[in-house]
Amino acid sequence: MEHTEFVDACKNGTRKIYVTRSKALQAVTNGFLPKRYQFAHIFWSWIWFLSILAGIAIMIFQKWWIGLIFLVCVPGTISAAVKKSAFDFVIEHAIEDPKFYIFAISNGIITIE
């Protein structure tokens, strides 16, 4: 599939596009995407880590059950969002850059049905 067809398929939703999450995360962290995507990913990864520490601090310095509820809900939600954003970053950059699209297809990051 040519890049222009891919862009049309993304905009129209005519084809199913799959992104391998682990490979998308590797593409973001290994520098295959522009810095703006890497910085956003690093920022939210740190927020995820700090939310765990915040939950522990709430358990220690406030009521333990509030901290436990925080630990169960917040870090998991942020982690899922970080993984979803890597997926979105790969698709967005593949639409913008034909060279990255070819790279993503050839390395199995993106699969089109």
PDB file of N, CA and C in Angstrom:
ATOM      1  N   MET A   1       0.843  -1.175   0.000  1.00  0.00           N
ATOM      2  CA  MET A   1       0.000   0.000   0.000  1.00  0.00           C
ATOM      3  C   MET A   1       0.889   1.239   0.000  1.00  0.00           C
ATOM      4  N   GLU A   2       0.585   2.137  -0.902  1.00  0.00           N
ATOM      5  CA  GLU A   2       1.330   3.392  -1.004  1.00  0.00           C
ATOM      6  C   GLU A   2       0.963   4.322   0.154  1.00  0.00           C
ATOM      7  N   HIS A   3       1.821   5.293   0.389  1.00  0.00           N
ATOM      8  CA  HIS A   3       1.608   6.228   1.495  1.00  0.00           C
ATOM      9  C   HIS A   3       0.330   7.040   1.313  1.00  0.00           C
ATOM     10  N   THR A   4       0.042   7.475   0.104  1.00  0.00           N
ATOM     11  CA  THR A   4      -1.179   8.256  -0.121  1.00  0.00           C
ATOM     12  C   THR A   4      -2.429   7.428   0.158  1.00  0.00           C
ATOM     13  N   GLU A   5      -2.385   6.145  -0.196  1.00  0.00           N
ATOM     14  CA  GLU A   5      -3.510   5.255   0.115  1.00  0.00           C
ATOM     15  C   GLU A   5      -3.664   5.075   1.624  1.00  0.00           C
ATOM     16  N   PHE A   6      -2.527   4.991   2.311  1.00  0.00           N
ATOM     17  CA  PHE A   6      -2.536   4.859   3.760  1.00  0.00           C
ATOM     18  C   PHE A   6      -3.160   6.090   4.414  1.00  0.00           C
ATOM     19  N   VAL A   7      -2.777   7.258   3.945  1.00  0.00           N
ATOM     20  CA  VAL A   7      -3.336   8.505   4.486  1.00  0.00           C
ATOM     21  C   VAL A   7      -4.843   8.546   4.256  1.00  0.00           C
ATOM     22  N   ASP A   8      -5.266   8.192   3.060  1.00  0.00           N
ATOM     23  CA  ASP A   8      -6.705   8.156   2.761  1.00  0.00           C
ATOM     24  C   ASP A   8      -7.428   7.128   3.639  1.00  0.00           C
ATOM     25  N   ALA A   9      -6.816   5.972   3.826  1.00  0.00           N
ATOM     26  CA  ALA A   9      -7.429   4.932   4.656  1.00  0.00           C
ATOM     27  C   ALA A   9      -7.554   5.384   6.107  1.00  0.00           C
ATOM     28  N   CYS A  10      -6.559   6.114   6.601  1.00  0.00           N
ATOM     29  CA  CYS A  10      -6.617   6.628   7.977  1.00  0.00           C
ATOM     30  C   CYS A  10      -7.716   7.671   8.127  1.00  0.00           C
ATOM     31  N   LYS A  11      -7.820   8.543   7.149  1.00  0.00           N
ATOM     32  CA  LYS A  11      -8.810   9.621   7.234  1.00  0.00           C
ATOM     33  C   LYS A  11     -10.234   9.111   7.039  1.00  0.00           C
ATOM     34  N   ASN A  12     -10.396   8.148   6.142  1.00  0.00           N
ATOM     35  CA  ASN A  12     -11.736   7.642   5.828  1.00  0.00           C
ATOM     36  C   ASN A  12     -12.134   6.445   6.680  1.00  0.00           C
ATOM     37  N   GLY A  13     -11.172   5.789   7.290  1.00  0.00           N
ATOM     38  CA  GLY A  13     -11.462   4.594   8.077  1.00  0.00           C
ATOM     39  C   GLY A  13     -11.872   3.407   7.232  1.00  0.00           C
ATOM     40  N   THR A  14     -11.385   3.352   5.982  1.00  0.00           N
ATOM     41  CA  THR A  14     -11.782   2.285   5.074  1.00  0.00           C
ATOM     42  C   THR A  14     -11.044   0.972   5.330  1.00  0.00           C
ATOM     43  N   ARG A  15      -9.897   1.027   5.993  1.00  0.00           N
ATOM     44  CA  ARG A  15      -9.133  -0.178   6.283  1.00  0.00           C
ATOM     45  C   ARG A  15      -8.791  -0.226   7.759  1.00  0.00           C
ATOM     46  N   LYS A  16      -8.568  -1.432   8.243  1.00  0.00           N
ATOM     47  CA  LYS A  16      -8.150  -1.590   9.630  1.00  0.00           C
ATOM     48  C   LYS A  16      -6.635  -1.478   9.691  1.00  0.00           C
ATOM     49  N   ILE A  17      -6.178  -0.636  10.600  1.00  0.00           N
ATOM     50  CA  ILE A  17      -4.751  -0.411  10.776  1.00  0.00           C
ATOM     51  C   ILE A  17      -4.384  -0.857  12.180  1.00  0.00           C
ATOM     52  N   TYR A  18      -3.428  -1.766  12.261  1.00  0.00           N
ATOM     53  CA  TYR A  18      -2.981  -2.296  13.541  1.00  0.00           C
ATOM     54  C   TYR A  18      -1.576  -1.804  13.826  1.00  0.00           C
ATOM     55  N   VAL A  19      -1.345  -1.474  15.080  1.00  0.00           N
ATOM     56  CA  VAL A  19      -0.021  -1.068  15.530  1.00  0.00           C
ATOM     57  C   VAL A  19       0.366  -1.998  16.675  1.00  0.00           C
ATOM     58  N   THR A  20       1.532  -2.591  16.583  1.00  0.00           N
ATOM     59  CA  THR A  20       2.040  -3.445  17.653  1.00  0.00           C
ATOM     60  C   THR A  20       2.502  -2.544  18.792  1.00  0.00           C
ATOM     61  N   ARG A  21       1.863  -2.677  19.947  1.00  0.00           N
ATOM     62  CA  ARG A  21       2.130  -1.760  21.064  1.00  0.00           C
ATOM     63  C   ARG A  21       3.582  -1.793  21.511  1.00  0.00           C
ATOM     64  N   SER A  22       4.150  -2.976  21.642  1.00  0.00           N
ATOM     65  CA  SER A  22       5.533  -3.055  22.122  1.00  0.00           C
ATOM     66  C   SER A  22       6.491  -2.407  21.134  1.00  0.00           C
ATOM     67  N   LYS A  23       6.246  -2.625  19.849  1.00  0.00           N
ATOM     68  CA  LYS A  23       7.116  -2.009  18.839  1.00  0.00           C
ATOM     69  C   LYS A  23       6.884  -0.504  18.750  1.00  0.00           C
ATOM     70  N   ALA A  24       5.654  -0.067  18.991  1.00  0.00           N
ATOM     71  CA  ALA A  24       5.366   1.373  19.003  1.00  0.00           C
ATOM     72  C   ALA A  24       6.089   2.048  20.165  1.00  0.00           C
ATOM     73  N   LEU A  25       6.063   1.405  21.332  1.00  0.00           N
ATOM     74  CA  LEU A  25       6.785   1.958  22.487  1.00  0.00           C
ATOM     75  C   LEU A  25       8.285   2.004  22.212  1.00  0.00           C
ATOM     76  N   GLN A  26       8.809   0.964  21.559  1.00  0.00           N
ATOM     77  CA  GLN A  26      10.235   0.960  21.213  1.00  0.00           C
ATOM     78  C   GLN A  26      10.559   2.059  20.211  1.00  0.00           C
ATOM     79  N   ALA A  27       9.669   2.276  19.251  1.00  0.00           N
ATOM     80  CA  ALA A  27       9.905   3.323  18.253  1.00  0.00           C
ATOM     81  C   ALA A  27       9.948   4.704  18.908  1.00  0.00           C
ATOM     82  N   VAL A  28       9.083   4.915  19.881  1.00  0.00           N
ATOM     83  CA  VAL A  28       9.064   6.212  20.572  1.00  0.00           C
ATOM     84  C   VAL A  28      10.314   6.372  21.431  1.00  0.00           C
ATOM     85  N   THR A  29      10.659   5.358  22.204  1.00  0.00           N
ATOM     86  CA  THR A  29      11.790   5.490  23.129  1.00  0.00           C
ATOM     87  C   THR A  29      13.146   5.409  22.439  1.00  0.00           C
ATOM     88  N   ASN A  30      13.226   4.751  21.284  1.00  0.00           N
ATOM     89  CA  ASN A  30      14.517   4.616  20.605  1.00  0.00           C
ATOM     90  C   ASN A  30      14.819   5.739  19.628  1.00  0.00           C
ATOM     91  N   GLY A  31      13.962   6.733  19.559  1.00  0.00           N
ATOM     92  CA  GLY A  31      14.276   7.914  18.767  1.00  0.00           C
ATOM     93  C   GLY A  31      13.878   7.846  17.312  1.00  0.00           C
ATOM     94  N   PHE A  32      12.961   6.971  16.933  1.00  0.00           N
ATOM     95  CA  PHE A  32      12.516   6.904  15.543  1.00  0.00           C
ATOM     96  C   PHE A  32      11.447   7.946  15.231  1.00  0.00           C
ATOM     97  N   LEU A  33      10.923   8.575  16.262  1.00  0.00           N
ATOM     98  CA  LEU A  33       9.923   9.628  16.092  1.00  0.00           C
ATOM     99  C   LEU A  33      10.556  10.967  16.465  1.00  0.00           C
ATOM    100  N   PRO A  34       9.974  12.071  16.015  1.00  0.00           N
ATOM    101  CA  PRO A  34      10.521  13.383  16.372  1.00  0.00           C
ATOM    102  C   PRO A  34      10.524  13.627  17.880  1.00  0.00           C
ATOM    103  N   LYS A  35      11.319  14.575  18.290  1.00  0.00           N
ATOM    104  CA  LYS A  35      11.507  14.872  19.709  1.00  0.00           C
ATOM    105  C   LYS A  35      10.209  15.221  20.420  1.00  0.00           C
ATOM    106  N   ARG A  36       9.276  15.884  19.739  1.00  0.00           N
ATOM    107  CA  ARG A  36       8.039  16.285  20.416  1.00  0.00           C
ATOM    108  C   ARG A  36       7.265  15.069  20.920  1.00  0.00           C
ATOM    109  N   TYR A  37       7.307  13.977  20.176  1.00  0.00           N
ATOM    110  CA  TYR A  37       6.643  12.752  20.629  1.00  0.00           C
ATOM    111  C   TYR A  37       7.412  12.110  21.781  1.00  0.00           C
ATOM    112  N   GLN A  38       8.732  12.135  21.683  1.00  0.00           N
ATOM    113  CA  GLN A  38       9.554  11.550  22.732  1.00  0.00           C
ATOM    114  C   GLN A  38       9.374  12.310  24.044  1.00  0.00           C
ATOM    115  N   PHE A  39       9.356  13.636  23.975  1.00  0.00           N
ATOM    116  CA  PHE A  39       9.197  14.432  25.187  1.00  0.00           C
ATOM    117  C   PHE A  39       7.834  14.206  25.828  1.00  0.00           C
ATOM    118  N   ALA A  40       6.797  14.117  25.020  1.00  0.00           N
ATOM    119  CA  ALA A  40       5.460  13.847  25.561  1.00  0.00           C
ATOM    120  C   ALA A  40       5.422  12.473  26.231  1.00  0.00           C
ATOM    121  N   HIS A  41       6.039  11.496  25.604  1.00  0.00           N
ATOM    122  CA  HIS A  41       6.069  10.148  26.168  1.00  0.00           C
ATOM    123  C   HIS A  41       6.847  10.126  27.486  1.00  0.00           C
ATOM    124  N   ILE A  42       7.989  10.776  27.518  1.00  0.00           N
ATOM    125  CA  ILE A  42       8.795  10.825  28.746  1.00  0.00           C
ATOM    126  C   ILE A  42       8.035  11.544  29.854  1.00  0.00           C
ATOM    127  N   PHE A  43       7.383  12.651  29.521  1.00  0.00           N
ATOM    128  CA  PHE A  43       6.619  13.410  30.516  1.00  0.00           C
ATOM    129  C   PHE A  43       5.551  12.541  31.154  1.00  0.00           C
ATOM    130  N   TRP A  44       4.749  11.863  30.347  1.00  0.00           N
ATOM    131  CA  TRP A  44       3.654  11.052  30.890  1.00  0.00           C
ATOM    132  C   TRP A  44       4.162   9.801  31.580  1.00  0.00           C
ATOM    133  N   SER A  45       5.303   9.291  31.163  1.00  0.00           N
ATOM    134  CA  SER A  45       5.898   8.155  31.874  1.00  0.00           C
ATOM    135  C   SER A  45       6.325   8.569  33.283  1.00  0.00           C
ATOM    136  N   TRP A  46       6.857   9.775  33.401  1.00  0.00           N
ATOM    137  CA  TRP A  46       7.226  10.283  34.718  1.00  0.00           C
ATOM    138  C   TRP A  46       5.995  10.563  35.570  1.00  0.00           C
ATOM    139  N   ILE A  47       4.949  11.069  34.970  1.00  0.00           N
ATOM    140  CA  ILE A  47       3.707  11.289  35.714  1.00  0.00           C
ATOM    141  C   ILE A  47       3.188   9.956  36.247  1.00  0.00           C
ATOM    142  N   TRP A  48       3.265   8.911  35.441  1.00  0.00           N
ATOM    143  CA  TRP A  48       2.843   7.584  35.885  1.00  0.00           C
ATOM    144  C   TRP A  48       3.651   7.148  37.096  1.00  0.00           C
ATOM    145  N   PHE A  49       4.970   7.280  37.019  1.00  0.00           N
ATOM    146  CA  PHE A  49       5.844   6.890  38.128  1.00  0.00           C
ATOM    147  C   PHE A  49       5.558   7.725  39.373  1.00  0.00           C
ATOM    148  N   LEU A  50       5.412   9.023  39.210  1.00  0.00           N
ATOM    149  CA  LEU A  50       5.145   9.891  40.350  1.00  0.00           C
ATOM    150  C   LEU A  50       3.770   9.639  40.963  1.00  0.00           C
ATOM    151  N   SER A  51       2.820   9.169  40.157  1.00  0.00           N
ATOM    152  CA  SER A  51       1.505   8.855  40.719  1.00  0.00           C
ATOM    153  C   SER A  51       1.585   7.661  41.673  1.00  0.00           C
ATOM    154  N   ILE A  52       2.493   6.739  41.400  1.00  0.00           N
ATOM    155  CA  ILE A  52       2.702   5.619  42.325  1.00  0.00           C
ATOM    156  C   ILE A  52       3.266   6.135  43.644  1.00  0.00           C
ATOM    157  N   LEU A  53       4.259   7.016  43.539  1.00  0.00           N
ATOM    158  CA  LEU A  53       4.836   7.590  44.754  1.00  0.00           C
ATOM    159  C   LEU A  53       3.809   8.418  45.519  1.00  0.00           C
ATOM    160  N   ALA A  54       2.963   9.139  44.802  1.00  0.00           N
ATOM    161  CA  ALA A  54       1.921   9.934  45.448  1.00  0.00           C
ATOM    162  C   ALA A  54       0.935   9.031  46.187  1.00  0.00           C
ATOM    163  N   GLY A  55       0.565   7.921  45.592  1.00  0.00           N
ATOM    164  CA  GLY A  55      -0.331   6.976  46.254  1.00  0.00           C
ATOM    165  C   GLY A  55       0.272   6.421  47.534  1.00  0.00           C
ATOM    166  N   ILE A  56       1.552   6.100  47.477  1.00  0.00           N
ATOM    167  CA  ILE A  56       2.236   5.597  48.678  1.00  0.00           C
ATOM    168  C   ILE A  56       2.285   6.679  49.749  1.00  0.00           C
ATOM    169  N   ALA A  57       2.577   7.910  49.338  1.00  0.00           N
ATOM    170  CA  ALA A  57       2.616   9.023  50.295  1.00  0.00           C
ATOM    171  C   ALA A  57       1.244   9.260  50.923  1.00  0.00           C
ATOM    172  N   ILE A  58       0.196   9.155  50.138  1.00  0.00           N
ATOM    173  CA  ILE A  58      -1.159   9.307  50.685  1.00  0.00           C
ATOM    174  C   ILE A  58      -1.442   8.201  51.695  1.00  0.00           C
ATOM    175  N   MET A  59      -1.002   6.994  51.386  1.00  0.00           N
ATOM    176  CA  MET A  59      -1.215   5.881  52.325  1.00  0.00           C
ATOM    177  C   MET A  59      -0.499   6.117  53.642  1.00  0.00           C
ATOM    178  N   ILE A  60       0.698   6.703  53.569  1.00  0.00           N
ATOM    179  CA  ILE A  60       1.502   6.903  54.780  1.00  0.00           C
ATOM    180  C   ILE A  60       1.018   8.121  55.572  1.00  0.00           C
ATOM    181  N   PHE A  61       0.798   9.236  54.899  1.00  0.00           N
ATOM    182  CA  PHE A  61       0.537  10.492  55.600  1.00  0.00           C
ATOM    183  C   PHE A  61      -0.941  10.843  55.739  1.00  0.00           C
ATOM    184  N   GLN A  62      -1.793  10.176  55.014  1.00  0.00           N
ATOM    185  CA  GLN A  62      -3.227  10.417  55.130  1.00  0.00           C
ATOM    186  C   GLN A  62      -3.889   9.109  55.551  1.00  0.00           C
ATOM    187  N   LYS A  63      -5.033   8.870  55.065  1.00  0.00           N
ATOM    188  CA  LYS A  63      -5.719   7.620  55.368  1.00  0.00           C
ATOM    189  C   LYS A  63      -5.264   6.558  54.376  1.00  0.00           C
ATOM    190  N   TRP A  64      -4.970   5.371  54.871  1.00  0.00           N
ATOM    191  CA  TRP A  64      -4.400   4.325  54.038  1.00  0.00           C
ATOM    192  C   TRP A  64      -5.348   3.894  52.926  1.00  0.00           C
ATOM    193  N   TRP A  65      -6.640   3.893  53.207  1.00  0.00           N
ATOM    194  CA  TRP A  65      -7.598   3.411  52.215  1.00  0.00           C
ATOM    195  C   TRP A  65      -7.754   4.389  51.053  1.00  0.00           C
ATOM    196  N   ILE A  66      -7.562   5.670  51.305  1.00  0.00           N
ATOM    197  CA  ILE A  66      -7.600   6.651  50.204  1.00  0.00           C
ATOM    198  C   ILE A  66      -6.395   6.432  49.286  1.00  0.00           C
ATOM    199  N   GLY A  67      -5.235   6.215  49.891  1.00  0.00           N
ATOM    200  CA  GLY A  67      -4.033   5.937  49.110  1.00  0.00           C
ATOM    201  C   GLY A  67      -4.153   4.656  48.312  1.00  0.00           C
ATOM    202  N   LEU A  68      -4.802   3.666  48.893  1.00  0.00           N
ATOM    203  CA  LEU A  68      -4.997   2.391  48.199  1.00  0.00           C
ATOM    204  C   LEU A  68      -5.925   2.561  46.995  1.00  0.00           C
ATOM    205  N   ILE A  69      -6.993   3.302  47.186  1.00  0.00           N
ATOM    206  CA  ILE A  69      -7.906   3.583  46.061  1.00  0.00           C
ATOM    207  C   ILE A  69      -7.166   4.352  44.971  1.00  0.00           C
ATOM    208  N   PHE A  70      -6.358   5.330  45.394  1.00  0.00           N
ATOM    209  CA  PHE A  70      -5.559   6.111  44.442  1.00  0.00           C
ATOM    210  C   PHE A  70      -4.617   5.196  43.670  1.00  0.00           C
ATOM    211  N   LEU A  71      -3.925   4.290  44.387  1.00  0.00           N
ATOM    212  CA  LEU A  71      -2.975   3.380  43.739  1.00  0.00           C
ATOM    213  C   LEU A  71      -3.650   2.413  42.776  1.00  0.00           C
ATOM    214  N   VAL A  72      -4.856   2.023  43.077  1.00  0.00           N
ATOM    215  CA  VAL A  72      -5.559   1.089  42.200  1.00  0.00           C
ATOM    216  C   VAL A  72      -6.045   1.785  40.933  1.00  0.00           C
ATOM    217  N   CYS A  73      -6.494   3.008  41.060  1.00  0.00           N
ATOM    218  CA  CYS A  73      -7.145   3.692  39.924  1.00  0.00           C
ATOM    219  C   CYS A  73      -6.196   4.504  39.054  1.00  0.00           C
ATOM    220  N   VAL A  74      -5.419   5.367  39.653  1.00  0.00           N
ATOM    221  CA  VAL A  74      -4.690   6.381  38.886  1.00  0.00           C
ATOM    222  C   VAL A  74      -3.521   5.822  38.073  1.00  0.00           C
ATOM    223  N   PRO A  75      -2.558   5.099  38.658  1.00  0.00           N
ATOM    224  CA  PRO A  75      -1.426   4.625  37.843  1.00  0.00           C
ATOM    225  C   PRO A  75      -1.834   3.731  36.677  1.00  0.00           C
ATOM    226  N   GLY A  76      -2.815   2.876  36.876  1.00  0.00           N
ATOM    227  CA  GLY A  76      -3.270   2.013  35.783  1.00  0.00           C
ATOM    228  C   GLY A  76      -3.860   2.790  34.629  1.00  0.00           C
ATOM    229  N   THR A  77      -4.623   3.826  34.971  1.00  0.00           N
ATOM    230  CA  THR A  77      -5.218   4.677  33.943  1.00  0.00           C
ATOM    231  C   THR A  77      -4.140   5.420  33.164  1.00  0.00           C
ATOM    232  N   ILE A  78      -3.163   5.961  33.879  1.00  0.00           N
ATOM    233  CA  ILE A  78      -2.083   6.699  33.215  1.00  0.00           C
ATOM    234  C   ILE A  78      -1.244   5.758  32.365  1.00  0.00           C
ATOM    235  N   SER A  79      -0.970   4.548  32.856  1.00  0.00           N
ATOM    236  CA  SER A  79      -0.191   3.572  32.090  1.00  0.00           C
ATOM    237  C   SER A  79      -0.889   3.218  30.783  1.00  0.00           C
ATOM    238  N   ALA A  80      -2.183   2.987  30.840  1.00  0.00           N
ATOM    239  CA  ALA A  80      -2.941   2.679  29.621  1.00  0.00           C
ATOM    240  C   ALA A  80      -2.903   3.850  28.649  1.00  0.00           C
ATOM    241  N   ALA A  81      -2.977   5.061  29.173  1.00  0.00           N
ATOM    242  CA  ALA A  81      -2.937   6.247  28.317  1.00  0.00           C
ATOM    243  C   ALA A  81      -1.568   6.418  27.662  1.00  0.00           C
ATOM    244  N   VAL A  82      -0.501   6.095  28.382  1.00  0.00           N
ATOM    245  CA  VAL A  82       0.854   6.188  27.815  1.00  0.00           C
ATOM    246  C   VAL A  82       1.005   5.207  26.657  1.00  0.00           C
ATOM    247  N   LYS A  83       0.509   3.987  26.834  1.00  0.00           N
ATOM    248  CA  LYS A  83       0.595   2.991  25.762  1.00  0.00           C
ATOM    249  C   LYS A  83      -0.266   3.383  24.565  1.00  0.00           C
ATOM    250  N   LYS A  84      -1.440   3.912  24.826  1.00  0.00           N
ATOM    251  CA  LYS A  84      -2.336   4.355  23.748  1.00  0.00           C
ATOM    252  C   LYS A  84      -1.722   5.535  23.007  1.00  0.00           C
ATOM    253  N   SER A  85      -1.062   6.433  23.733  1.00  0.00           N
ATOM    254  CA  SER A  85      -0.461   7.592  23.071  1.00  0.00           C
ATOM    255  C   SER A  85       0.682   7.172  22.153  1.00  0.00           C
ATOM    256  N   ALA A  86       1.449   6.149  22.519  1.00  0.00           N
ATOM    257  CA  ALA A  86       2.509   5.651  21.630  1.00  0.00           C
ATOM    258  C   ALA A  86       1.908   5.145  20.332  1.00  0.00           C
ATOM    259  N   PHE A  87       0.789   4.446  20.429  1.00  0.00           N
ATOM    260  CA  PHE A  87       0.043   3.986  19.255  1.00  0.00           C
ATOM    261  C   PHE A  87      -0.350   5.180  18.385  1.00  0.00           C
ATOM    262  N   ASP A  88      -0.926   6.197  19.010  1.00  0.00           N
ATOM    263  CA  ASP A  88      -1.364   7.386  18.272  1.00  0.00           C
ATOM    264  C   ASP A  88      -0.191   8.142  17.657  1.00  0.00           C
ATOM    265  N   PHE A  89       0.918   8.222  18.384  1.00  0.00           N
ATOM    266  CA  PHE A  89       2.096   8.919  17.867  1.00  0.00           C
ATOM    267  C   PHE A  89       2.624   8.238  16.603  1.00  0.00           C
ATOM    268  N   VAL A  90       2.644   6.912  16.598  1.00  0.00           N
ATOM    269  CA  VAL A  90       3.140   6.172  15.435  1.00  0.00           C
ATOM    270  C   VAL A  90       2.243   6.419  14.224  1.00  0.00           C
ATOM    271  N   ILE A  91       0.935   6.335  14.415  1.00  0.00           N
ATOM    272  CA  ILE A  91       0.011   6.572  13.306  1.00  0.00           C
ATOM    273  C   ILE A  91       0.136   8.007  12.804  1.00  0.00           C
ATOM    274  N   GLU A  92       0.167   8.958  13.724  1.00  0.00           N
ATOM    275  CA  GLU A  92       0.253  10.367  13.337  1.00  0.00           C
ATOM    276  C   GLU A  92       1.527  10.664  12.557  1.00  0.00           C
ATOM    277  N   HIS A  93       2.648  10.120  13.027  1.00  0.00           N
ATOM    278  CA  HIS A  93       3.907  10.382  12.319  1.00  0.00           C
ATOM    279  C   HIS A  93       3.974   9.635  10.989  1.00  0.00           C
ATOM    280  N   ALA A  94       3.365   8.460  10.914  1.00  0.00           N
ATOM    281  CA  ALA A  94       3.326   7.726   9.642  1.00  0.00           C
ATOM    282  C   ALA A  94       2.505   8.492   8.610  1.00  0.00           C
ATOM    283  N   ILE A  95       1.482   9.190   9.048  1.00  0.00           N
ATOM    284  CA  ILE A  95       0.697  10.017   8.120  1.00  0.00           C
ATOM    285  C   ILE A  95       1.534  11.193   7.642  1.00  0.00           C
ATOM    286  N   GLU A  96       2.322  11.785   8.541  1.00  0.00           N
ATOM    287  CA  GLU A  96       3.125  12.966   8.207  1.00  0.00           C
ATOM    288  C   GLU A  96       4.349  12.641   7.339  1.00  0.00           C
ATOM    289  N   ASP A  97       4.979  11.502   7.595  1.00  0.00           N
ATOM    290  CA  ASP A  97       6.287  11.212   6.991  1.00  0.00           C
ATOM    291  C   ASP A  97       6.259   9.897   6.212  1.00  0.00           C
ATOM    292  N   PRO A  98       6.335   9.966   4.878  1.00  0.00           N
ATOM    293  CA  PRO A  98       6.327   8.732   4.074  1.00  0.00           C
ATOM    294  C   PRO A  98       7.500   7.797   4.370  1.00  0.00           C
ATOM    295  N   LYS A  99       8.657   8.355   4.715  1.00  0.00           N
ATOM    296  CA  LYS A  99       9.820   7.507   5.025  1.00  0.00           C
ATOM    297  C   LYS A  99       9.579   6.693   6.298  1.00  0.00           C
ATOM    298  N   PHE A 100       8.995   7.333   7.293  1.00  0.00           N
ATOM    299  CA  PHE A 100       8.685   6.607   8.521  1.00  0.00           C
ATOM    300  C   PHE A 100       7.606   5.564   8.264  1.00  0.00           C
ATOM    301  N   TYR A 101       6.669   5.868   7.410  1.00  0.00           N
ATOM    302  CA  TYR A 101       5.623   4.900   7.056  1.00  0.00           C
ATOM    303  C   TYR A 101       6.257   3.631   6.478  1.00  0.00           C
ATOM    304  N   ILE A 102       7.184   3.778   5.563  1.00  0.00           N
ATOM    305  CA  ILE A 102       7.872   2.625   4.965  1.00  0.00           C
ATOM    306  C   ILE A 102       8.649   1.863   6.040  1.00  0.00           C
ATOM    307  N   PHE A 103       9.331   2.601   6.920  1.00  0.00           N
ATOM    308  CA  PHE A 103      10.072   1.990   8.022  1.00  0.00           C
ATOM    309  C   PHE A 103       9.130   1.202   8.934  1.00  0.00           C
ATOM    310  N   ALA A 104       7.998   1.789   9.277  1.00  0.00           N
ATOM    311  CA  ALA A 104       7.041   1.142  10.185  1.00  0.00           C
ATOM    312  C   ALA A 104       6.434  -0.117   9.563  1.00  0.00           C
ATOM    313  N   ILE A 105       6.119  -0.059   8.279  1.00  0.00           N
ATOM    314  CA  ILE A 105       5.568  -1.229   7.598  1.00  0.00           C
ATOM    315  C   ILE A 105       6.618  -2.339   7.512  1.00  0.00           C
ATOM    316  N   SER A 106       7.834  -1.979   7.131  1.00  0.00           N
ATOM    317  CA  SER A 106       8.880  -2.996   6.958  1.00  0.00           C
ATOM    318  C   SER A 106       9.326  -3.636   8.268  1.00  0.00           C
ATOM    319  N   ASN A 107       9.190  -2.917   9.378  1.00  0.00           N
ATOM    320  CA  ASN A 107       9.586  -3.466  10.684  1.00  0.00           C
ATOM    321  C   ASN A 107       8.421  -4.050  11.488  1.00  0.00           C
ATOM    322  N   GLY A 108       7.256  -4.083  10.895  1.00  0.00           N
ATOM    323  CA  GLY A 108       6.108  -4.700  11.558  1.00  0.00           C
ATOM    324  C   GLY A 108       5.482  -3.855  12.653  1.00  0.00           C
ATOM    325  N   ILE A 109       5.782  -2.573  12.679  1.00  0.00           N
ATOM    326  CA  ILE A 109       5.156  -1.690  13.656  1.00  0.00           C
ATOM    327  C   ILE A 109       3.706  -1.467  13.274  1.00  0.00           C
ATOM    328  N   ILE A 110       3.486  -1.230  11.986  1.00  0.00           N
ATOM    329  CA  ILE A 110       2.148  -1.018  11.464  1.00  0.00           C
ATOM    330  C   ILE A 110       1.792  -2.188  10.538  1.00  0.00           C
ATOM    331  N   THR A 111       0.591  -2.700  10.711  1.00  0.00           N
ATOM    332  CA  THR A 111       0.056  -3.749   9.839  1.00  0.00           C
ATOM    333  C   THR A 111      -1.302  -3.270   9.324  1.00  0.00           C
ATOM    334  N   ILE A 112      -1.512  -3.410   8.030  1.00  0.00           N
ATOM    335  CA  ILE A 112      -2.755  -2.942   7.418  1.00  0.00           C
ATOM    336  C   ILE A 112      -3.511  -4.156   6.900  1.00  0.00           C
ATOM    337  N   GLU A 113      -4.785  -4.197   7.205  1.00  0.00           N
ATOM    338  CA  GLU A 113      -5.634  -5.306   6.766  1.00  0.00           C
ATOM    339  C   GLU A 113      -6.438  -4.904   5.555  1.00  0.00           C
TER     340      GLU A 113
END
